C-alpha atoms as a PDB file:
ATOM      1  CA  MET A   1       0.231 -19.306  -4.272  1.00  0.00           C
ATOM      2  CA  ARG A   2       1.026 -20.110  -0.640  1.00  0.00           C
ATOM      3  CA  ARG A   3       4.561 -18.807  -1.011  1.00  0.00           C
ATOM      4  CA  ARG A   4       3.331 -15.336  -1.975  1.00  0.00           C
ATOM      5  CA  THR A   5       0.871 -15.214   0.909  1.00  0.00           C
ATOM      6  CA  GLY A   6       3.663 -16.317   3.247  1.00  0.00           C
ATOM      7  CA  ALA A   7       5.926 -13.586   1.893  1.00  0.00           C
ATOM      8  CA  ALA A   8       3.122 -11.071   2.383  1.00  0.00           C
ATOM      9  CA  MET A   9       2.694 -12.254   5.990  1.00  0.00           C
ATOM     10  CA  ALA A  10       6.391 -11.686   6.682  1.00  0.00           C
ATOM     11  CA  LEU A  11       6.285  -8.256   5.061  1.00  0.00           C
ATOM     12  CA  LEU A  12       3.189  -7.277   7.053  1.00  0.00           C
ATOM     13  CA  GLY A  13       5.052  -8.118  10.256  1.00  0.00           C
ATOM     14  CA  ALA A  14       8.101  -6.156   9.104  1.00  0.00           C
ATOM     15  CA  ALA A  15       5.921  -3.181   8.127  1.00  0.00           C
ATOM     16  CA  ARG A  16       4.141  -3.194  11.460  1.00  0.00           C
ATOM     17  CA  LEU A  17       7.475  -3.165  13.273  1.00  0.00           C
ATOM     18  CA  ALA A  18       8.846  -0.431  11.016  1.00  0.00           C
ATOM     19  CA  VAL A  19       5.857   1.813  11.692  1.00  0.00           C
ATOM     20  CA  ALA A  20       6.128   1.230  15.445  1.00  0.00           C
ATOM     21  CA  LEU A  21       9.898   1.369  15.909  1.00  0.00           C
ATOM     22  CA  VAL A  22      11.722   2.986  12.997  1.00  0.00           C
ATOM     23  CA  PRO A  23      11.621   6.693  12.123  1.00  0.00           C
ATOM     24  CA  PHE A  24       9.621   7.413   8.969  1.00  0.00           C
ATOM     25  CA  ARG A  25      12.592   9.064   7.238  1.00  0.00           C
ATOM     26  CA  LEU A  26      14.432   5.717   7.295  1.00  0.00           C
ATOM     27  CA  TRP A  27      11.772   3.666   5.494  1.00  0.00           C
ATOM     28  CA  ARG A  28       9.913   6.151   3.317  1.00  0.00           C
ATOM     29  CA  GLY A  29      12.428   5.728   0.471  1.00  0.00           C
ATOM     30  CA  SER A  30      11.523   2.045   0.186  1.00  0.00           C
ATOM     31  CA  LEU A  31       7.931   2.816  -0.819  1.00  0.00           C
ATOM     32  CA  GLY A  32       6.422   3.499  -4.217  1.00  0.00           C
ATOM     33  CA  LEU A  33       8.103   3.085  -7.588  1.00  0.00           C
ATOM     34  CA  ALA A  34       8.091   5.828 -10.182  1.00  0.00           C
ATOM     35  CA  THR A  35       8.622   5.145 -13.866  1.00  0.00           C
ATOM     36  CA  ASP A  36       7.977   7.067 -17.035  1.00  0.00           C
ATOM     37  CA  ARG A  37       5.747   4.404 -18.548  1.00  0.00           C
ATOM     38  CA  LEU A  38       2.277   3.165 -17.770  1.00  0.00           C
ATOM     39  CA  PRO A  39       2.160  -0.400 -16.392  1.00  0.00           C
ATOM     40  CA  GLY A  40       0.900  -2.912 -18.940  1.00  0.00           C
ATOM     41  CA  THR A  41      -2.064  -5.231 -18.539  1.00  0.00           C
ATOM     42  CA  ASP A  42       0.104  -8.051 -17.205  1.00  0.00           C
ATOM     43  CA  GLU A  43       1.652  -5.764 -14.590  1.00  0.00           C
ATOM     44  CA  ARG A  44      -1.729  -4.431 -13.495  1.00  0.00           C
ATOM     45  CA  THR A  45      -3.052  -7.984 -13.221  1.00  0.00           C
ATOM     46  CA  GLU A  46      -0.019  -8.990 -11.164  1.00  0.00           C
ATOM     47  CA  ALA A  47      -0.497  -5.955  -8.903  1.00  0.00           C
ATOM     48  CA  VAL A  48      -4.112  -6.921  -8.177  1.00  0.00           C
ATOM     49  CA  ARG A  49      -3.018 -10.499  -7.520  1.00  0.00           C
ATOM     50  CA  LEU A  50      -0.356  -9.316  -5.055  1.00  0.00           C
ATOM     51  CA  ALA A  51      -2.901  -7.071  -3.320  1.00  0.00           C
ATOM     52  CA  ARG A  52      -5.114 -10.133  -2.793  1.00  0.00           C
ATOM     53  CA  HIS A  53      -2.158 -11.979  -1.228  1.00  0.00           C
ATOM     54  CA  VAL A  54      -1.595  -9.088   1.178  1.00  0.00           C
ATOM     55  CA  GLU A  55      -5.268  -9.064   2.195  1.00  0.00           C
ATOM     56  CA  ARG A  56      -5.294 -12.853   2.596  1.00  0.00           C
ATOM     57  CA  ALA A  57      -2.098 -12.704   4.654  1.00  0.00           C
ATOM     58  CA  ALA A  58      -3.532  -9.986   6.901  1.00  0.00           C
ATOM     59  CA  MET A  59      -6.524 -12.193   7.722  1.00  0.00           C
ATOM     60  CA  ARG A  60      -4.244 -15.074   8.733  1.00  0.00           C
ATOM     61  CA  LEU A  61      -1.978 -13.158  11.105  1.00  0.00           C
ATOM     62  CA  PRO A  62      -2.510 -13.378  14.873  1.00  0.00           C
ATOM     63  CA  PHE A  63      -2.430  -9.566  15.121  1.00  0.00           C
ATOM     64  CA  ALA A  64      -4.336  -6.790  13.411  1.00  0.00           C
ATOM     65  CA  THR A  65      -2.777  -4.869  10.548  1.00  0.00           C
ATOM     66  CA  ARG A  66      -4.080  -1.491   9.558  1.00  0.00           C
ATOM     67  CA  CYS A  67      -3.975   0.258   6.213  1.00  0.00           C
ATOM     68  CA  LEU A  68      -0.395   1.570   6.394  1.00  0.00           C
ATOM     69  CA  PRO A  69       1.365  -1.768   7.034  1.00  0.00           C
ATOM     70  CA  ARG A  70      -0.802  -3.362   4.335  1.00  0.00           C
ATOM     71  CA  ALA A  71       0.075  -0.625   1.856  1.00  0.00           C
ATOM     72  CA  MET A  72       3.755  -0.898   2.784  1.00  0.00           C
ATOM     73  CA  ALA A  73       3.801  -4.669   2.321  1.00  0.00           C
ATOM     74  CA  LEU A  74       2.137  -4.379  -1.073  1.00  0.00           C
ATOM     75  CA  SER A  75       4.491  -1.588  -2.113  1.00  0.00           C
ATOM     76  CA  TRP A  76       7.496  -3.746  -1.261  1.00  0.00           C
ATOM     77  CA  LEU A  77       6.056  -6.658  -3.248  1.00  0.00           C
ATOM     78  CA  LEU A  78       5.334  -4.407  -6.225  1.00  0.00           C
ATOM     79  CA  ARG A  79       8.843  -2.919  -6.133  1.00  0.00           C
ATOM     80  CA  ARG A  80      10.281  -6.435  -6.101  1.00  0.00           C
ATOM     81  CA  ALA A  81       8.135  -7.264  -9.153  1.00  0.00           C
ATOM     82  CA  GLY A  82       9.155  -4.012 -10.892  1.00  0.00           C
ATOM     83  CA  VAL A  83       5.587  -2.705 -11.092  1.00  0.00           C
ATOM     84  CA  ALA A  84       5.276   1.087 -11.049  1.00  0.00           C
ATOM     85  CA  HIS A  85       2.940   2.290  -8.315  1.00  0.00           C
ATOM     86  CA  ALA A  86       2.255   5.000  -5.761  1.00  0.00           C
ATOM     87  CA  LEU A  87       1.644   4.707  -2.033  1.00  0.00           C
ATOM     88  CA  ILE A  88      -0.630   7.519  -0.909  1.00  0.00           C
ATOM     89  CA  PHE A  89      -1.078   8.985   2.580  1.00  0.00           C
ATOM     90  CA  ALA A  90      -4.254  10.975   3.222  1.00  0.00           C
ATOM     91  CA  VAL A  91      -6.329  12.607   5.934  1.00  0.00           C
ATOM     92  CA  ARG A  92     -10.091  13.095   6.273  1.00  0.00           C
ATOM     93  CA  PRO A  93     -11.400  16.662   6.258  1.00  0.00           C
ATOM     94  CA  ALA A  94     -11.617  18.025   9.819  1.00  0.00           C
ATOM     95  CA  GLU A  95     -15.430  18.093   9.833  1.00  0.00           C
ATOM     96  CA  MET A  96     -15.593  14.334   9.057  1.00  0.00           C
ATOM     97  CA  ARG A  97     -13.166  12.947  11.650  1.00  0.00           C
ATOM     98  CA  ALA A  98     -15.575  12.188  14.499  1.00  0.00           C
ATOM     99  CA  ASP A  99     -16.663   8.639  13.591  1.00  0.00           C
ATOM    100  CA  GLY A 100     -13.483   6.928  12.486  1.00  0.00           C
ATOM    101  CA  ASP A 101      -9.879   7.094  11.612  1.00  0.00           C
ATOM    102  CA  ALA A 102      -8.639  10.410  10.355  1.00  0.00           C
ATOM    103  CA  LEU A 103      -5.677   8.902   8.474  1.00  0.00           C
ATOM    104  CA  HIS A 104      -5.523   6.431   5.615  1.00  0.00           C
ATOM    105  CA  ALA A 105      -3.016   4.911   3.206  1.00  0.00           C
ATOM    106  CA  TRP A 106      -3.558   3.101  -0.081  1.00  0.00           C
ATOM    107  CA  VAL A 107      -1.751   1.865  -3.174  1.00  0.00           C
ATOM    108  CA  GLU A 108      -2.468   2.878  -6.774  1.00  0.00           C
ATOM    109  CA  VAL A 109      -1.292   1.334 -10.025  1.00  0.00           C
ATOM    110  CA  ALA A 110      -1.909   3.324 -13.198  1.00  0.00           C
ATOM    111  CA  GLY A 111      -4.115   5.713 -11.219  1.00  0.00           C
ATOM    112  CA  LYS A 112      -6.391   2.925  -9.937  1.00  0.00           C
ATOM    113  CA  ARG A 113      -6.623   2.125  -6.235  1.00  0.00           C
ATOM    114  CA  ILE A 114      -5.807  -1.566  -5.810  1.00  0.00           C
ATOM    115  CA  LEU A 115      -5.532  -1.736  -2.008  1.00  0.00           C
ATOM    116  CA  GLY A 116      -7.172   0.385   0.663  1.00  0.00           C
ATOM    117  CA  ASP A 117     -10.285   1.506  -1.169  1.00  0.00           C
ATOM    118  CA  LEU A 118     -12.301   3.330   1.506  1.00  0.00           C
ATOM    119  CA  PRO A 119     -15.004   5.911   0.828  1.00  0.00           C
ATOM    120  CA  GLY A 120     -13.757   9.478   1.126  1.00  0.00           C
ATOM    121  CA  PRO A 121     -13.383  12.246   0.902  1.00  0.00           C
ATOM    122  CA  TRP A 122      -9.655  12.194   1.563  1.00  0.00           C
ATOM    123  CA  HIS A 123      -7.075  14.950   1.293  1.00  0.00           C
ATOM    124  CA  VAL A 124      -3.812  13.525  -0.033  1.00  0.00           C
ATOM    125  CA  THR A 125      -0.896  14.630   2.120  1.00  0.00           C
ATOM    126  CA  LEU A 126       1.932  12.585   0.591  1.00  0.00           C
ATOM    127  CA  ARG A 127       2.399  10.508  -2.527  1.00  0.00           C
ATOM    128  CA  LEU A 128       5.454   8.212  -2.655  1.00  0.00           C
ATOM    129  CA  GLY A 129       6.421   6.995  -6.078  1.00  0.00           C
ATOM    130  CA  ASP A 130       4.123   8.131  -8.766  1.00  0.00           C
ATOM    131  CA  ALA A 131       3.430   5.695 -11.497  1.00  0.00           C
ATOM    132  CA  ALA A 132       2.409   7.140 -14.821  1.00  0.00           C
ATOM    133  CA  ARG A 133      -1.376   7.475 -14.842  1.00  0.00           C
ATOM    134  CA  ASN A 134      -4.051   7.353 -17.510  1.00  0.00           C
END
């Protein structure tokens, strides 16, 4: 259990650095995992478990991590585990941007958001990997 949270902490740090220092075109290919089959129950359960490790790791770090580094870290963990998933980038509609962040990222497995569930509406701008959905 601790090993996975530790791995998530390291990946959160790497993701934060990648977002800050590395051009998007160089790391976008490492996100998401497309397959032609729907993840099974065991894979969905594992994905939710890994998402919890990422959230737990984010709380233990001495710096803040936003939605994109969290989604990236989870995507990398899911790829390592061979779980099909999508990492989604989205923007709020222009008329709703005054009170908060205009951008958001989340991770879906089998069409279900498992990390980054914020109330919308959101307009999807990019979907990396695209797991088969129900």
